[in-house]
């Protein structure tokens, strides 16, 4: 599991991914204090975490705390699946994508992204949402 600062930043800035988070057992996330946590059961705090925010109410005051979901490798691979394309074909498409030029400065995704999770997140963001990572944020490519 990639817990690097780069992966955290990539995940945090992938709003499309964060809003799709339906919390489940084994999910990793970063709480508002920067502490890594793992959901230990399917309903772990599920009633109070929505769209990446923990909602609490104390003494009539509602508080929102931002959580950052860090998708696991198999979750990213599942996100990459497209209707009508086999799992094997999807894996092959990812493999071919890692060898293609990503940008003019750094070359291929396998040279830009340090972990397999970073590569799969980059693949999902490009193929599903037409965005590329520019070392600071996701930018729309067309």
C-alpha atoms as a PDB file:
ATOM      1  CA  UNK A   1       0.000   0.000   0.000  1.00  0.00           C
ATOM      2  CA  UNK A   2       1.447   3.314  -1.101  1.00  0.00           C
ATOM      3  CA  UNK A   3       1.429   5.823   1.771  1.00  0.00           C
ATOM      4  CA  UNK A   4       3.821   8.270   0.125  1.00  0.00           C
ATOM      5  CA  UNK A   5       3.178  12.001   0.162  1.00  0.00           C
ATOM      6  CA  UNK A   6       2.888  11.985  -3.632  1.00  0.00           C
ATOM      7  CA  UNK A   7       0.177   9.302  -3.631  1.00  0.00           C
ATOM      8  CA  UNK A   8      -1.709  11.103  -0.870  1.00  0.00           C
ATOM      9  CA  UNK A   9      -1.612  14.324  -2.889  1.00  0.00           C
ATOM     10  CA  UNK A  10      -2.679  12.539  -6.080  1.00  0.00           C
ATOM     11  CA  UNK A  11      -5.610  10.917  -4.255  1.00  0.00           C
ATOM     12  CA  UNK A  12      -6.634  14.087  -2.455  1.00  0.00           C
ATOM     13  CA  UNK A  13      -6.785  16.040  -5.698  1.00  0.00           C
ATOM     14  CA  UNK A  14      -8.708  13.350  -7.589  1.00  0.00           C
ATOM     15  CA  UNK A  15     -12.167  14.630  -6.722  1.00  0.00           C
ATOM     16  CA  UNK A  16     -13.768  12.213  -9.169  1.00  0.00           C
ATOM     17  CA  UNK A  17     -12.338   9.300  -7.194  1.00  0.00           C
ATOM     18  CA  UNK A  18     -12.909  10.750  -3.726  1.00  0.00           C
ATOM     19  CA  UNK A  19     -16.621  11.397  -4.280  1.00  0.00           C
ATOM     20  CA  UNK A  20     -17.172   7.790  -5.390  1.00  0.00           C
ATOM     21  CA  UNK A  21     -15.815   6.385  -2.127  1.00  0.00           C
ATOM     22  CA  UNK A  22     -18.256   4.015  -0.504  1.00  0.00           C
ATOM     23  CA  UNK A  23     -16.440   3.067   2.642  1.00  0.00           C
ATOM     24  CA  UNK A  24     -15.805  -0.635   3.102  1.00  0.00           C
ATOM     25  CA  UNK A  25     -13.778  -3.097   5.105  1.00  0.00           C
ATOM     26  CA  UNK A  26     -10.065  -2.767   4.431  1.00  0.00           C
ATOM     27  CA  UNK A  27     -10.220   0.777   3.036  1.00  0.00           C
ATOM     28  CA  UNK A  28      -7.282   2.994   3.918  1.00  0.00           C
ATOM     29  CA  UNK A  29      -7.699   6.693   4.513  1.00  0.00           C
ATOM     30  CA  UNK A  30      -6.021   9.663   6.112  1.00  0.00           C
ATOM     31  CA  UNK A  31      -7.957  11.516   8.786  1.00  0.00           C
ATOM     32  CA  UNK A  32      -7.953  15.276   9.366  1.00  0.00           C
ATOM     33  CA  UNK A  33      -4.876  14.936  11.609  1.00  0.00           C
ATOM     34  CA  UNK A  34      -2.868  13.108   8.955  1.00  0.00           C
ATOM     35  CA  UNK A  35      -3.199   9.750  10.707  1.00  0.00           C
ATOM     36  CA  UNK A  36      -3.494   6.638   8.524  1.00  0.00           C
ATOM     37  CA  UNK A  37      -6.534   4.565   9.365  1.00  0.00           C
ATOM     38  CA  UNK A  38      -8.075   1.401   8.038  1.00  0.00           C
ATOM     39  CA  UNK A  39     -11.755   0.472   8.091  1.00  0.00           C
ATOM     40  CA  UNK A  40     -11.940  -2.629  10.232  1.00  0.00           C
ATOM     41  CA  UNK A  41     -15.516  -3.573   9.343  1.00  0.00           C
ATOM     42  CA  UNK A  42     -17.890  -2.863   6.485  1.00  0.00           C
ATOM     43  CA  UNK A  43     -19.913  -0.400   8.561  1.00  0.00           C
ATOM     44  CA  UNK A  44     -16.977   1.316  10.306  1.00  0.00           C
ATOM     45  CA  UNK A  45     -18.185   4.894  10.769  1.00  0.00           C
ATOM     46  CA  UNK A  46     -20.189   4.501   7.544  1.00  0.00           C
ATOM     47  CA  UNK A  47     -23.062   6.580   8.859  1.00  0.00           C
ATOM     48  CA  UNK A  48     -20.822   9.590   9.372  1.00  0.00           C
ATOM     49  CA  UNK A  49     -18.379   9.525   6.438  1.00  0.00           C
ATOM     50  CA  UNK A  50     -19.816  10.755   3.148  1.00  0.00           C
ATOM     51  CA  UNK A  51     -17.951  11.967   0.066  1.00  0.00           C
ATOM     52  CA  UNK A  52     -14.684  12.118   1.969  1.00  0.00           C
ATOM     53  CA  UNK A  53     -16.011  14.067   4.950  1.00  0.00           C
ATOM     54  CA  UNK A  54     -16.688  12.874   8.472  1.00  0.00           C
ATOM     55  CA  UNK A  55     -19.753  14.586   9.856  1.00  0.00           C
ATOM     56  CA  UNK A  56     -20.053  14.954  13.618  1.00  0.00           C
ATOM     57  CA  UNK A  57     -22.488  16.837  15.787  1.00  0.00           C
ATOM     58  CA  UNK A  58     -21.560  17.915  19.283  1.00  0.00           C
ATOM     59  CA  UNK A  59     -23.587  20.283  21.437  1.00  0.00           C
ATOM     60  CA  UNK A  60     -25.627  21.363  18.425  1.00  0.00           C
ATOM     61  CA  UNK A  61     -22.561  22.228  16.339  1.00  0.00           C
ATOM     62  CA  UNK A  62     -21.965  20.308  13.127  1.00  0.00           C
ATOM     63  CA  UNK A  63     -18.325  19.709  12.243  1.00  0.00           C
ATOM     64  CA  UNK A  64     -16.924  18.483   8.937  1.00  0.00           C
ATOM     65  CA  UNK A  65     -13.537  16.774   8.884  1.00  0.00           C
ATOM     66  CA  UNK A  66     -11.876  15.969   5.589  1.00  0.00           C
ATOM     67  CA  UNK A  67     -10.766  12.390   5.037  1.00  0.00           C
ATOM     68  CA  UNK A  68      -8.610  11.297   2.107  1.00  0.00           C
ATOM     69  CA  UNK A  69      -9.304   7.850   0.686  1.00  0.00           C
ATOM     70  CA  UNK A  70      -6.228   5.967  -0.523  1.00  0.00           C
ATOM     71  CA  UNK A  71      -7.554   3.327  -2.928  1.00  0.00           C
ATOM     72  CA  UNK A  72      -5.863  -0.053  -2.814  1.00  0.00           C
ATOM     73  CA  UNK A  73      -4.440  -1.592  -5.972  1.00  0.00           C
ATOM     74  CA  UNK A  74      -7.389  -3.926  -6.567  1.00  0.00           C
ATOM     75  CA  UNK A  75      -9.827  -1.015  -6.131  1.00  0.00           C
ATOM     76  CA  UNK A  76      -7.962   1.000  -8.765  1.00  0.00           C
ATOM     77  CA  UNK A  77      -7.926  -1.992 -11.105  1.00  0.00           C
ATOM     78  CA  UNK A  78     -11.673  -2.365 -10.636  1.00  0.00           C
ATOM     79  CA  UNK A  79     -12.196   1.336 -11.426  1.00  0.00           C
ATOM     80  CA  UNK A  80     -10.305   0.850 -14.686  1.00  0.00           C
ATOM     81  CA  UNK A  81     -12.745  -1.798 -15.902  1.00  0.00           C
ATOM     82  CA  UNK A  82     -14.977  -0.748 -18.775  1.00  0.00           C
ATOM     83  CA  UNK A  83     -18.126  -2.372 -20.011  1.00  0.00           C
ATOM     84  CA  UNK A  84     -17.481  -4.795 -22.845  1.00  0.00           C
ATOM     85  CA  UNK A  85     -13.734  -5.049 -22.176  1.00  0.00           C
ATOM     86  CA  UNK A  86     -12.362  -8.156 -20.509  1.00  0.00           C
ATOM     87  CA  UNK A  87     -10.245  -7.973 -17.386  1.00  0.00           C
ATOM     88  CA  UNK A  88      -7.268  -9.342 -19.333  1.00  0.00           C
ATOM     89  CA  UNK A  89      -7.673  -6.694 -22.047  1.00  0.00           C
ATOM     90  CA  UNK A  90      -7.853  -3.975 -19.390  1.00  0.00           C
ATOM     91  CA  UNK A  91      -4.590  -5.202 -17.840  1.00  0.00           C
ATOM     92  CA  UNK A  92      -2.981  -5.258 -21.282  1.00  0.00           C
ATOM     93  CA  UNK A  93      -4.194  -1.699 -21.970  1.00  0.00           C
ATOM     94  CA  UNK A  94      -2.626  -0.591 -18.678  1.00  0.00           C
ATOM     95  CA  UNK A  95       0.644  -2.327 -19.566  1.00  0.00           C
ATOM     96  CA  UNK A  96       0.753  -0.615 -22.966  1.00  0.00           C
ATOM     97  CA  UNK A  97      -0.140   2.734 -21.367  1.00  0.00           C
ATOM     98  CA  UNK A  98       2.879   2.485 -19.035  1.00  0.00           C
ATOM     99  CA  UNK A  99       5.167   2.391 -22.086  1.00  0.00           C
ATOM    100  CA  UNK A 100       3.612   5.370 -23.892  1.00  0.00           C
ATOM    101  CA  UNK A 101       4.931   8.942 -23.526  1.00  0.00           C
ATOM    102  CA  UNK A 102       3.106  10.663 -20.661  1.00  0.00           C
ATOM    103  CA  UNK A 103       4.684  14.079 -20.969  1.00  0.00           C
ATOM    104  CA  UNK A 104       7.591  15.688 -22.774  1.00  0.00           C
ATOM    105  CA  UNK A 105       9.773  16.158 -19.696  1.00  0.00           C
ATOM    106  CA  UNK A 106       9.695  12.832 -17.906  1.00  0.00           C
ATOM    107  CA  UNK A 107       8.726  10.250 -20.460  1.00  0.00           C
ATOM    108  CA  UNK A 108       6.715   7.154 -19.659  1.00  0.00           C
ATOM    109  CA  UNK A 109       4.314   6.672 -16.720  1.00  0.00           C
ATOM    110  CA  UNK A 110       6.509   3.927 -15.300  1.00  0.00           C
ATOM    111  CA  UNK A 111       9.282   6.527 -14.945  1.00  0.00           C
ATOM    112  CA  UNK A 112       7.035   9.277 -13.564  1.00  0.00           C
ATOM    113  CA  UNK A 113       5.030   7.320 -11.007  1.00  0.00           C
ATOM    114  CA  UNK A 114       7.026   5.571  -8.279  1.00  0.00           C
ATOM    115  CA  UNK A 115       4.468   2.958  -7.223  1.00  0.00           C
ATOM    116  CA  UNK A 116       2.045   0.676  -8.979  1.00  0.00           C
ATOM    117  CA  UNK A 117      -0.838   2.448  -7.170  1.00  0.00           C
ATOM    118  CA  UNK A 118       0.317   5.799  -8.567  1.00  0.00           C
ATOM    119  CA  UNK A 119       0.466   4.296 -12.064  1.00  0.00           C
ATOM    120  CA  UNK A 120      -3.000   2.766 -11.821  1.00  0.00           C
ATOM    121  CA  UNK A 121      -4.440   6.016 -10.452  1.00  0.00           C
ATOM    122  CA  UNK A 122      -2.827   7.887 -13.354  1.00  0.00           C
ATOM    123  CA  UNK A 123      -4.274   5.343 -15.784  1.00  0.00           C
ATOM    124  CA  UNK A 124      -7.786   5.590 -14.312  1.00  0.00           C
ATOM    125  CA  UNK A 125      -7.727   9.388 -14.282  1.00  0.00           C
ATOM    126  CA  UNK A 126      -6.542   9.562 -17.886  1.00  0.00           C
ATOM    127  CA  UNK A 127      -8.793   6.873 -19.353  1.00  0.00           C
ATOM    128  CA  UNK A 128     -11.994   7.667 -17.443  1.00  0.00           C
ATOM    129  CA  UNK A 129     -11.731  11.377 -16.684  1.00  0.00           C
ATOM    130  CA  UNK A 130      -9.297  12.616 -19.371  1.00  0.00           C
ATOM    131  CA  UNK A 131      -6.905  14.107 -16.839  1.00  0.00           C
ATOM    132  CA  UNK A 132      -3.149  13.914 -16.351  1.00  0.00           C
ATOM    133  CA  UNK A 133      -1.012  14.590 -13.303  1.00  0.00           C
ATOM    134  CA  UNK A 134       1.259  17.631 -13.709  1.00  0.00           C
ATOM    135  CA  UNK A 135       3.201  17.022 -10.453  1.00  0.00           C
ATOM    136  CA  UNK A 136       0.824  19.268  -8.514  1.00  0.00           C
ATOM    137  CA  UNK A 137      -2.731  18.667  -9.726  1.00  0.00           C
ATOM    138  CA  UNK A 138      -4.856  16.838 -12.276  1.00  0.00           C
ATOM    139  CA  UNK A 139      -5.282  18.785 -15.512  1.00  0.00           C
ATOM    140  CA  UNK A 140      -7.842  18.117 -18.228  1.00  0.00           C
ATOM    141  CA  UNK A 141      -6.127  16.963 -21.414  1.00  0.00           C
ATOM    142  CA  UNK A 142      -8.962  17.885 -23.811  1.00  0.00           C
END
